[in-house]
Amino acid sequence: MLQISSECAAPVSGALEEDRIILMENEVYRLPQTHQEIQVLSGIAWITLDQQDIILRSHEKASLAPSKNFAVISALNNMPLILTLRQDKNPVRT
């Protein structure tokens, strides 16, 4: 399940690790299952996870619930897509 937010909250120091990804037209990125938050810095993202699609625009973010599947991300509208991806460095094991 995806949770969308348009707020830009700073991560708690030391709790999250951040990566920046740039996707061009016709590129697809398979998000590692360890990443729990996606924020679009520029462009429009199309994200698919567990047969659910979501569109995120600049400055929007989504939190991903744990899943056995990978999320797939691609850029829309022939514009470069710039994302930050955050992962929990100390995941809670269930």
C-alpha atoms as a PDB file:
ATOM      1  CA  MET A   1       0.000   0.000   0.000  1.00  0.00           C
ATOM      2  CA  LEU A   2       1.220   3.494  -0.843  1.00  0.00           C
ATOM      3  CA  GLN A   3       0.674   6.540   1.338  1.00  0.00           C
ATOM      4  CA  ILE A   4       1.009   9.908  -0.403  1.00  0.00           C
ATOM      5  CA  SER A   5       2.041  13.184   1.142  1.00  0.00           C
ATOM      6  CA  SER A   6       2.971  16.562  -0.291  1.00  0.00           C
ATOM      7  CA  GLU A   7       4.838  17.668   2.827  1.00  0.00           C
ATOM      8  CA  CYS A   8       8.622  17.906   2.780  1.00  0.00           C
ATOM      9  CA  ALA A   9       9.648  16.481   6.147  1.00  0.00           C
ATOM     10  CA  ALA A  10      13.290  15.987   7.047  1.00  0.00           C
ATOM     11  CA  PRO A  11      14.334  12.458   8.044  1.00  0.00           C
ATOM     12  CA  VAL A  12      15.325  11.715  11.629  1.00  0.00           C
ATOM     13  CA  SER A  13      19.102  11.942  11.842  1.00  0.00           C
ATOM     14  CA  GLY A  14      20.786   8.561  11.544  1.00  0.00           C
ATOM     15  CA  ALA A  15      17.533   6.634  11.023  1.00  0.00           C
ATOM     16  CA  LEU A  16      17.248   6.823   7.238  1.00  0.00           C
ATOM     17  CA  GLU A  17      19.653   6.550   4.330  1.00  0.00           C
ATOM     18  CA  GLU A  18      18.928   8.518   1.144  1.00  0.00           C
ATOM     19  CA  ASP A  19      19.743   7.863  -2.528  1.00  0.00           C
ATOM     20  CA  ARG A  20      19.113  10.142  -5.497  1.00  0.00           C
ATOM     21  CA  ILE A  21      18.002   8.653  -8.824  1.00  0.00           C
ATOM     22  CA  ILE A  22      17.582  10.334 -12.225  1.00  0.00           C
ATOM     23  CA  LEU A  23      15.439   8.609 -14.863  1.00  0.00           C
ATOM     24  CA  MET A  24      15.161   9.714 -18.472  1.00  0.00           C
ATOM     25  CA  GLU A  25      12.461   8.910 -21.017  1.00  0.00           C
ATOM     26  CA  ASN A  26      11.937   5.115 -21.505  1.00  0.00           C
ATOM     27  CA  GLU A  27      14.013   4.219 -18.419  1.00  0.00           C
ATOM     28  CA  VAL A  28      12.560   2.042 -15.662  1.00  0.00           C
ATOM     29  CA  TYR A  29      13.907   1.580 -12.136  1.00  0.00           C
ATOM     30  CA  ARG A  30      13.153  -1.400  -9.910  1.00  0.00           C
ATOM     31  CA  LEU A  31      13.095  -0.085  -6.362  1.00  0.00           C
ATOM     32  CA  PRO A  32      14.898  -2.288  -3.817  1.00  0.00           C
ATOM     33  CA  GLN A  33      12.526  -3.667  -1.185  1.00  0.00           C
ATOM     34  CA  THR A  34      14.581  -1.975   1.547  1.00  0.00           C
ATOM     35  CA  HIS A  35      13.440   1.493   0.424  1.00  0.00           C
ATOM     36  CA  GLN A  36      10.335   2.811   2.145  1.00  0.00           C
ATOM     37  CA  GLU A  37       9.936   6.395   0.939  1.00  0.00           C
ATOM     38  CA  ILE A  38      10.016   8.049  -2.489  1.00  0.00           C
ATOM     39  CA  GLN A  39      10.044  11.818  -3.001  1.00  0.00           C
ATOM     40  CA  VAL A  40       9.873  13.452  -6.417  1.00  0.00           C
ATOM     41  CA  LEU A  41      12.191  16.452  -6.677  1.00  0.00           C
ATOM     42  CA  SER A  42      11.476  17.176 -10.352  1.00  0.00           C
ATOM     43  CA  GLY A  43       9.273  15.635 -13.029  1.00  0.00           C
ATOM     44  CA  ILE A  44       6.403  13.155 -12.763  1.00  0.00           C
ATOM     45  CA  ALA A  45       6.784   9.582 -11.503  1.00  0.00           C
ATOM     46  CA  TRP A  46       4.652   6.561 -12.338  1.00  0.00           C
ATOM     47  CA  ILE A  47       5.019   3.952  -9.584  1.00  0.00           C
ATOM     48  CA  THR A  48       3.547   0.449  -9.626  1.00  0.00           C
ATOM     49  CA  LEU A  49       3.527  -1.827  -6.570  1.00  0.00           C
ATOM     50  CA  ASP A  50       1.278  -4.810  -5.825  1.00  0.00           C
ATOM     51  CA  GLN A  51      -0.971  -4.066  -8.822  1.00  0.00           C
ATOM     52  CA  GLN A  52      -1.487  -0.481  -7.621  1.00  0.00           C
ATOM     53  CA  ASP A  53      -0.427   2.512  -9.718  1.00  0.00           C
ATOM     54  CA  ILE A  54       0.301   5.963  -8.379  1.00  0.00           C
ATOM     55  CA  ILE A  55       1.404   9.210 -10.006  1.00  0.00           C
ATOM     56  CA  LEU A  56       3.635  11.578  -8.019  1.00  0.00           C
ATOM     57  CA  ARG A  57       4.520  15.107  -9.098  1.00  0.00           C
ATOM     58  CA  SER A  58       7.295  17.440  -7.932  1.00  0.00           C
ATOM     59  CA  HIS A  59       7.536  17.773  -4.132  1.00  0.00           C
ATOM     60  CA  GLU A  60       5.143  14.878  -3.476  1.00  0.00           C
ATOM     61  CA  LYS A  61       6.251  11.773  -1.663  1.00  0.00           C
ATOM     62  CA  ALA A  62       4.913   8.295  -1.010  1.00  0.00           C
ATOM     63  CA  SER A  63       5.597   5.843   1.791  1.00  0.00           C
ATOM     64  CA  LEU A  64       5.611   2.178   0.848  1.00  0.00           C
ATOM     65  CA  ALA A  65       4.320  -0.565   3.089  1.00  0.00           C
ATOM     66  CA  PRO A  66       6.500  -3.667   3.266  1.00  0.00           C
ATOM     67  CA  SER A  67       5.862  -5.972   0.311  1.00  0.00           C
ATOM     68  CA  LYS A  68       7.290  -9.172  -1.120  1.00  0.00           C
ATOM     69  CA  ASN A  69       7.203  -7.454  -4.536  1.00  0.00           C
ATOM     70  CA  PHE A  70       9.411  -4.750  -6.021  1.00  0.00           C
ATOM     71  CA  ALA A  71       8.041  -1.315  -6.905  1.00  0.00           C
ATOM     72  CA  VAL A  72       8.683  -0.198 -10.494  1.00  0.00           C
ATOM     73  CA  ILE A  73       9.218   3.504 -11.253  1.00  0.00           C
ATOM     74  CA  SER A  74       9.281   5.324 -14.595  1.00  0.00           C
ATOM     75  CA  ALA A  75       9.226   8.946 -15.804  1.00  0.00           C
ATOM     76  CA  LEU A  76       6.175  10.471 -17.515  1.00  0.00           C
ATOM     77  CA  ASN A  77       5.731  13.326 -20.013  1.00  0.00           C
ATOM     78  CA  ASN A  78       9.145  13.021 -21.707  1.00  0.00           C
ATOM     79  CA  MET A  79      10.764  14.898 -18.815  1.00  0.00           C
ATOM     80  CA  PRO A  80      13.694  13.771 -16.666  1.00  0.00           C
ATOM     81  CA  LEU A  81      12.568  12.444 -13.298  1.00  0.00           C
ATOM     82  CA  ILE A  82      14.651  13.188 -10.215  1.00  0.00           C
ATOM     83  CA  LEU A  83      13.825  11.233  -7.054  1.00  0.00           C
ATOM     84  CA  THR A  84      15.142  10.737  -3.578  1.00  0.00           C
ATOM     85  CA  LEU A  85      14.728   7.252  -2.167  1.00  0.00           C
ATOM     86  CA  ARG A  86      14.974   6.648   1.550  1.00  0.00           C
ATOM     87  CA  GLN A  87      15.579   3.379   3.289  1.00  0.00           C
ATOM     88  CA  ASP A  88      15.493   2.433   6.927  1.00  0.00           C
ATOM     89  CA  LYS A  89      19.033   1.569   8.053  1.00  0.00           C
ATOM     90  CA  ASN A  90      17.626  -0.275  11.065  1.00  0.00           C
ATOM     91  CA  PRO A  91      14.497  -2.052   9.790  1.00  0.00           C
ATOM     92  CA  VAL A  92      12.146  -3.579  12.312  1.00  0.00           C
ATOM     93  CA  ARG A  93      11.986  -7.314  11.821  1.00  0.00           C
ATOM     94  CA  THR A  94       8.588  -8.998  12.138  1.00  0.00           C
END
